[in-house]
Amino acid sequence: EQSPSCPMQRGNIVMRIIGRAAVVALAAAVSPALAAELQPIQQEMQTAHYRLDLQIGPMEQMYMAADVAAQHLTQGEVMLSGGMAMPKDMATARHLEVHVYTLDKGAVVGDANVTIAVTDAQKTVQNIQIATMYGIAEGPSDTHYGNNVGLPPGTYTVDVTANGEKAAFNVTVPAD
């Protein structure tokens, strides 16, 4: 496990942000609506023992490690456990992920027991099928929990529990 303060991991995170920023800038030149859709939502909260980082972005392809190696894939997510969810409405499909870090050392927690429930403005609750995964380009230091989920534009509460510790994120998914 690496600390997020580790220069190598910071470099991976910076490259991921720069890469996404470049895609968003290019998309903005082509279509402002597409740029809004690609801009990830990011929030951070702390519990008694963890820092939880929520990210909601474009839908991700998810693969088993053997497929990544055999096909020499460079983009997408490597699934360590769980399976890829396929939202019914692909037009509203997004990738929701939660990174769990220890507060004391900032270490990635790769074996957390995580639950995620998304509640919309009408109080409809969607329990997310949890997959443990990491970005192919970033490697295991990017280990996180979540899945692809249908999130039409609107306001949501994302309730996250990590090893029994709870946090509630309030997010707004913009209209395309």
C-alpha atoms as a PDB file:
ATOM      1  CA  GLU A   1       0.000   0.000   0.000  1.00  0.00           C
ATOM      2  CA  GLN A   2       1.251   3.448  -0.871  1.00  0.00           C
ATOM      3  CA  SER A   3       0.507   6.714   0.814  1.00  0.00           C
ATOM      4  CA  PRO A   4      -1.212   9.396  -1.308  1.00  0.00           C
ATOM      5  CA  SER A   5       1.704  11.611  -0.298  1.00  0.00           C
ATOM      6  CA  CYS A   6       4.065   9.234  -2.131  1.00  0.00           C
ATOM      7  CA  PRO A   7       5.603  11.079  -5.155  1.00  0.00           C
ATOM      8  CA  MET A   8       4.787   8.169  -7.505  1.00  0.00           C
ATOM      9  CA  GLN A   9       1.095   8.128  -6.554  1.00  0.00           C
ATOM     10  CA  ARG A  10       0.852  11.928  -6.642  1.00  0.00           C
ATOM     11  CA  GLY A  11       2.299  11.767 -10.159  1.00  0.00           C
ATOM     12  CA  ASN A  12      -0.319   9.193 -11.207  1.00  0.00           C
ATOM     13  CA  ILE A  13      -3.114  11.311  -9.736  1.00  0.00           C
ATOM     14  CA  VAL A  14      -1.768  14.474 -11.402  1.00  0.00           C
ATOM     15  CA  MET A  15      -1.506  12.687 -14.764  1.00  0.00           C
ATOM     16  CA  ARG A  16      -5.057  11.346 -14.361  1.00  0.00           C
ATOM     17  CA  ILE A  17      -6.353  14.853 -13.599  1.00  0.00           C
ATOM     18  CA  ILE A  18      -4.333  16.420 -16.454  1.00  0.00           C
ATOM     19  CA  GLY A  19      -5.544  13.719 -18.837  1.00  0.00           C
ATOM     20  CA  ARG A  20      -9.173  14.249 -17.840  1.00  0.00           C
ATOM     21  CA  ALA A  21      -8.725  18.031 -17.979  1.00  0.00           C
ATOM     22  CA  ALA A  22      -7.389  17.760 -21.538  1.00  0.00           C
ATOM     23  CA  VAL A  23     -10.344  15.593 -22.570  1.00  0.00           C
ATOM     24  CA  VAL A  24     -12.783  18.042 -20.949  1.00  0.00           C
ATOM     25  CA  ALA A  25     -11.099  21.020 -22.657  1.00  0.00           C
ATOM     26  CA  LEU A  26     -11.264  19.292 -26.044  1.00  0.00           C
ATOM     27  CA  ALA A  27     -14.883  18.319 -25.424  1.00  0.00           C
ATOM     28  CA  ALA A  28     -15.707  21.916 -24.432  1.00  0.00           C
ATOM     29  CA  ALA A  29     -14.401  23.100 -27.791  1.00  0.00           C
ATOM     30  CA  VAL A  30     -16.662  20.614 -29.564  1.00  0.00           C
ATOM     31  CA  SER A  31     -19.669  20.620 -27.244  1.00  0.00           C
ATOM     32  CA  PRO A  32     -20.234  22.424 -23.931  1.00  0.00           C
ATOM     33  CA  ALA A  33     -22.832  19.781 -22.975  1.00  0.00           C
ATOM     34  CA  LEU A  34     -20.304  16.997 -23.542  1.00  0.00           C
ATOM     35  CA  ALA A  35     -17.732  18.850 -21.433  1.00  0.00           C
ATOM     36  CA  ALA A  36     -20.198  19.115 -18.530  1.00  0.00           C
ATOM     37  CA  GLU A  37     -20.891  15.390 -18.796  1.00  0.00           C
ATOM     38  CA  LEU A  38     -17.176  14.508 -18.700  1.00  0.00           C
ATOM     39  CA  GLN A  39     -16.267  16.802 -15.779  1.00  0.00           C
ATOM     40  CA  PRO A  40     -15.973  14.493 -12.768  1.00  0.00           C
ATOM     41  CA  ILE A  41     -17.677  15.268  -9.478  1.00  0.00           C
ATOM     42  CA  GLN A  42     -15.183  15.023  -6.610  1.00  0.00           C
ATOM     43  CA  GLN A  43     -15.779  15.340  -2.866  1.00  0.00           C
ATOM     44  CA  GLU A  44     -13.888  14.299   0.260  1.00  0.00           C
ATOM     45  CA  MET A  45     -15.092  13.509   3.792  1.00  0.00           C
ATOM     46  CA  GLN A  46     -13.500  12.145   6.931  1.00  0.00           C
ATOM     47  CA  THR A  47     -14.774   9.602   9.415  1.00  0.00           C
ATOM     48  CA  ALA A  48     -13.129   8.663  12.715  1.00  0.00           C
ATOM     49  CA  HIS A  49     -10.418   6.591  10.988  1.00  0.00           C
ATOM     50  CA  TYR A  50     -10.717   7.168   7.213  1.00  0.00           C
ATOM     51  CA  ARG A  51     -10.629   9.766   4.482  1.00  0.00           C
ATOM     52  CA  LEU A  52     -13.250   8.933   1.862  1.00  0.00           C
ATOM     53  CA  ASP A  53     -12.864  10.401  -1.626  1.00  0.00           C
ATOM     54  CA  LEU A  54     -15.970  10.231  -3.826  1.00  0.00           C
ATOM     55  CA  GLN A  55     -15.633  10.583  -7.591  1.00  0.00           C
ATOM     56  CA  ILE A  56     -18.404  10.426 -10.169  1.00  0.00           C
ATOM     57  CA  GLY A  57     -17.369  10.543 -13.811  1.00  0.00           C
ATOM     58  CA  PRO A  58     -18.059   8.968 -17.198  1.00  0.00           C
ATOM     59  CA  MET A  59     -18.886   5.258 -17.314  1.00  0.00           C
ATOM     60  CA  GLU A  60     -15.816   2.994 -17.216  1.00  0.00           C
ATOM     61  CA  GLN A  61     -15.128  -0.344 -18.852  1.00  0.00           C
ATOM     62  CA  MET A  62     -14.158  -2.935 -16.254  1.00  0.00           C
ATOM     63  CA  TYR A  63     -12.027  -6.029 -16.891  1.00  0.00           C
ATOM     64  CA  MET A  64     -10.621  -9.049 -15.095  1.00  0.00           C
ATOM     65  CA  ALA A  65      -6.827  -8.933 -14.539  1.00  0.00           C
ATOM     66  CA  ALA A  66      -6.253 -11.840 -16.935  1.00  0.00           C
ATOM     67  CA  ASP A  67      -8.079  -9.967 -19.732  1.00  0.00           C
ATOM     68  CA  VAL A  68      -5.995  -6.830 -19.136  1.00  0.00           C
ATOM     69  CA  ALA A  69      -2.766  -8.837 -19.419  1.00  0.00           C
ATOM     70  CA  ALA A  70      -3.875 -10.937 -22.404  1.00  0.00           C
ATOM     71  CA  GLN A  71      -5.254  -7.981 -24.387  1.00  0.00           C
ATOM     72  CA  HIS A  72      -2.587  -5.451 -23.301  1.00  0.00           C
ATOM     73  CA  LEU A  73      -5.305  -2.992 -22.271  1.00  0.00           C
ATOM     74  CA  THR A  74      -4.247   0.484 -21.117  1.00  0.00           C
ATOM     75  CA  GLN A  75      -7.574   2.083 -20.159  1.00  0.00           C
ATOM     76  CA  GLY A  76     -10.441   1.082 -17.909  1.00  0.00           C
ATOM     77  CA  GLU A  77     -10.635  -0.604 -14.523  1.00  0.00           C
ATOM     78  CA  VAL A  78      -9.175  -3.881 -13.240  1.00  0.00           C
ATOM     79  CA  MET A  79     -11.766  -5.680 -11.080  1.00  0.00           C
ATOM     80  CA  LEU A  80     -10.379  -7.356  -7.981  1.00  0.00           C
ATOM     81  CA  SER A  81     -13.785  -8.502  -6.733  1.00  0.00           C
ATOM     82  CA  GLY A  82     -17.406  -8.031  -7.702  1.00  0.00           C
ATOM     83  CA  GLY A  83     -18.698  -7.500 -11.217  1.00  0.00           C
ATOM     84  CA  MET A  84     -19.451  -4.683 -13.646  1.00  0.00           C
ATOM     85  CA  ALA A  85     -22.961  -3.263 -13.428  1.00  0.00           C
ATOM     86  CA  MET A  86     -24.695  -2.201 -16.629  1.00  0.00           C
ATOM     87  CA  PRO A  87     -27.174   0.639 -16.029  1.00  0.00           C
ATOM     88  CA  LYS A  88     -30.486   0.253 -17.862  1.00  0.00           C
ATOM     89  CA  ASP A  89     -30.315   3.767 -19.312  1.00  0.00           C
ATOM     90  CA  MET A  90     -26.873   4.097 -20.880  1.00  0.00           C
ATOM     91  CA  ALA A  91     -27.502   7.815 -21.524  1.00  0.00           C
ATOM     92  CA  THR A  92     -27.300   8.445 -17.763  1.00  0.00           C
ATOM     93  CA  ALA A  93     -24.539   5.912 -17.011  1.00  0.00           C
ATOM     94  CA  ARG A  94     -21.709   7.169 -14.810  1.00  0.00           C
ATOM     95  CA  HIS A  95     -18.870   5.614 -12.840  1.00  0.00           C
ATOM     96  CA  LEU A  96     -19.178   6.136  -9.086  1.00  0.00           C
ATOM     97  CA  GLU A  97     -16.097   5.316  -7.024  1.00  0.00           C
ATOM     98  CA  VAL A  98     -14.997   5.781  -3.428  1.00  0.00           C
ATOM     99  CA  HIS A  99     -11.347   5.720  -2.390  1.00  0.00           C
ATOM    100  CA  VAL A 100     -10.685   4.796   1.253  1.00  0.00           C
ATOM    101  CA  TYR A 101      -7.487   6.015   2.965  1.00  0.00           C
ATOM    102  CA  THR A 102      -6.379   5.673   6.585  1.00  0.00           C
ATOM    103  CA  LEU A 103      -6.309   9.009   8.401  1.00  0.00           C
ATOM    104  CA  ASP A 104      -3.151   8.268  10.354  1.00  0.00           C
ATOM    105  CA  LYS A 105      -0.858   7.284   7.457  1.00  0.00           C
ATOM    106  CA  GLY A 106      -2.864   8.127   4.345  1.00  0.00           C
ATOM    107  CA  ALA A 107      -2.526   4.518   3.158  1.00  0.00           C
ATOM    108  CA  VAL A 108      -4.942   3.040   0.639  1.00  0.00           C
ATOM    109  CA  VAL A 109      -7.340   0.587   2.300  1.00  0.00           C
ATOM    110  CA  GLY A 110      -7.677  -2.214  -0.234  1.00  0.00           C
ATOM    111  CA  ASP A 111      -9.702  -4.598   1.901  1.00  0.00           C
ATOM    112  CA  ALA A 112     -12.444  -2.368   3.319  1.00  0.00           C
ATOM    113  CA  ASN A 113     -16.018  -3.546   3.730  1.00  0.00           C
ATOM    114  CA  VAL A 114     -17.804  -0.812   1.747  1.00  0.00           C
ATOM    115  CA  THR A 115     -21.474  -0.162   1.026  1.00  0.00           C
ATOM    116  CA  ILE A 116     -22.818   2.665  -1.118  1.00  0.00           C
ATOM    117  CA  ALA A 117     -26.451   3.765  -1.367  1.00  0.00           C
ATOM    118  CA  VAL A 118     -27.599   6.594  -3.648  1.00  0.00           C
ATOM    119  CA  THR A 119     -30.831   8.425  -2.773  1.00  0.00           C
ATOM    120  CA  ASP A 120     -32.455  10.805  -5.244  1.00  0.00           C
ATOM    121  CA  ALA A 121     -34.673  13.831  -4.520  1.00  0.00           C
ATOM    122  CA  GLN A 122     -37.793  11.600  -4.544  1.00  0.00           C
ATOM    123  CA  LYS A 123     -36.198   9.450  -1.785  1.00  0.00           C
ATOM    124  CA  THR A 124     -35.694   6.477  -4.108  1.00  0.00           C
ATOM    125  CA  VAL A 125     -32.713   4.463  -2.830  1.00  0.00           C
ATOM    126  CA  GLN A 126     -30.363   2.641  -5.178  1.00  0.00           C
ATOM    127  CA  ASN A 127     -27.967   0.209  -3.451  1.00  0.00           C
ATOM    128  CA  ILE A 128     -24.806   0.025  -5.526  1.00  0.00           C
ATOM    129  CA  GLN A 129     -23.340  -3.377  -6.393  1.00  0.00           C
ATOM    130  CA  ILE A 130     -19.796  -3.020  -5.031  1.00  0.00           C
ATOM    131  CA  ALA A 131     -16.808  -3.932  -7.146  1.00  0.00           C
ATOM    132  CA  THR A 132     -13.287  -3.462  -5.796  1.00  0.00           C
ATOM    133  CA  MET A 133     -11.075  -2.197  -8.607  1.00  0.00           C
ATOM    134  CA  TYR A 134      -8.246   0.060  -9.705  1.00  0.00           C
ATOM    135  CA  GLY A 135      -7.478   2.050 -12.844  1.00  0.00           C
ATOM    136  CA  ILE A 136      -5.352   0.116 -15.336  1.00  0.00           C
ATOM    137  CA  ALA A 137      -3.042   3.092 -15.897  1.00  0.00           C
ATOM    138  CA  GLU A 138      -2.785   3.995 -12.213  1.00  0.00           C
ATOM    139  CA  GLY A 139      -2.243   0.532 -10.740  1.00  0.00           C
ATOM    140  CA  PRO A 140      -3.089  -0.897  -7.297  1.00  0.00           C
ATOM    141  CA  SER A 141      -2.388   2.404  -5.495  1.00  0.00           C
ATOM    142  CA  ASP A 142      -5.693   3.536  -7.091  1.00  0.00           C
ATOM    143  CA  THR A 143      -7.745   0.762  -5.404  1.00  0.00           C
ATOM    144  CA  HIS A 144     -11.314   1.924  -4.864  1.00  0.00           C
ATOM    145  CA  TYR A 145     -14.905   0.700  -4.518  1.00  0.00           C
ATOM    146  CA  GLY A 146     -18.020   1.355  -6.590  1.00  0.00           C
ATOM    147  CA  ASN A 147     -19.478   0.595  -9.991  1.00  0.00           C
ATOM    148  CA  ASN A 148     -21.211   2.005 -13.032  1.00  0.00           C
ATOM    149  CA  VAL A 149     -24.598   3.439 -12.119  1.00  0.00           C
ATOM    150  CA  GLY A 150     -27.471   5.267 -13.786  1.00  0.00           C
ATOM    151  CA  LEU A 151     -27.550   8.857 -12.500  1.00  0.00           C
ATOM    152  CA  PRO A 152     -29.777  11.224 -14.468  1.00  0.00           C
ATOM    153  CA  PRO A 153     -29.304  14.946 -13.814  1.00  0.00           C
ATOM    154  CA  GLY A 154     -30.468  15.847 -10.317  1.00  0.00           C
ATOM    155  CA  THR A 155     -29.470  16.014  -6.676  1.00  0.00           C
ATOM    156  CA  TYR A 156     -28.442  12.955  -4.706  1.00  0.00           C
ATOM    157  CA  THR A 157     -27.231  11.845  -1.315  1.00  0.00           C
ATOM    158  CA  VAL A 158     -24.503   9.230  -1.567  1.00  0.00           C
ATOM    159  CA  ASP A 159     -24.302   7.298   1.711  1.00  0.00           C
ATOM    160  CA  VAL A 160     -21.002   5.466   2.113  1.00  0.00           C
ATOM    161  CA  THR A 161     -20.068   3.041   4.880  1.00  0.00           C
ATOM    162  CA  ALA A 162     -16.447   1.892   5.151  1.00  0.00           C
ATOM    163  CA  ASN A 163     -15.737  -0.705   7.835  1.00  0.00           C
ATOM    164  CA  GLY A 164     -18.778   0.503   9.773  1.00  0.00           C
ATOM    165  CA  GLU A 165     -17.927   4.229   9.554  1.00  0.00           C
ATOM    166  CA  LYS A 166     -20.503   6.355   7.708  1.00  0.00           C
ATOM    167  CA  ALA A 167     -20.359   9.482   5.576  1.00  0.00           C
ATOM    168  CA  ALA A 168     -23.047  11.220   3.497  1.00  0.00           C
ATOM    169  CA  PHE A 169     -22.094  13.148   0.355  1.00  0.00           C
ATOM    170  CA  ASN A 170     -24.525  15.602  -1.258  1.00  0.00           C
ATOM    171  CA  VAL A 171     -23.963  15.834  -5.011  1.00  0.00           C
ATOM    172  CA  THR A 172     -25.593  17.405  -8.024  1.00  0.00           C
ATOM    173  CA  VAL A 173     -25.321  15.702 -11.389  1.00  0.00           C
ATOM    174  CA  PRO A 174     -25.573  18.466 -14.024  1.00  0.00           C
ATOM    175  CA  ALA A 175     -27.888  18.338 -17.014  1.00  0.00           C
ATOM    176  CA  ASP A 176     -26.174  17.374 -20.264  1.00  0.00           C
END
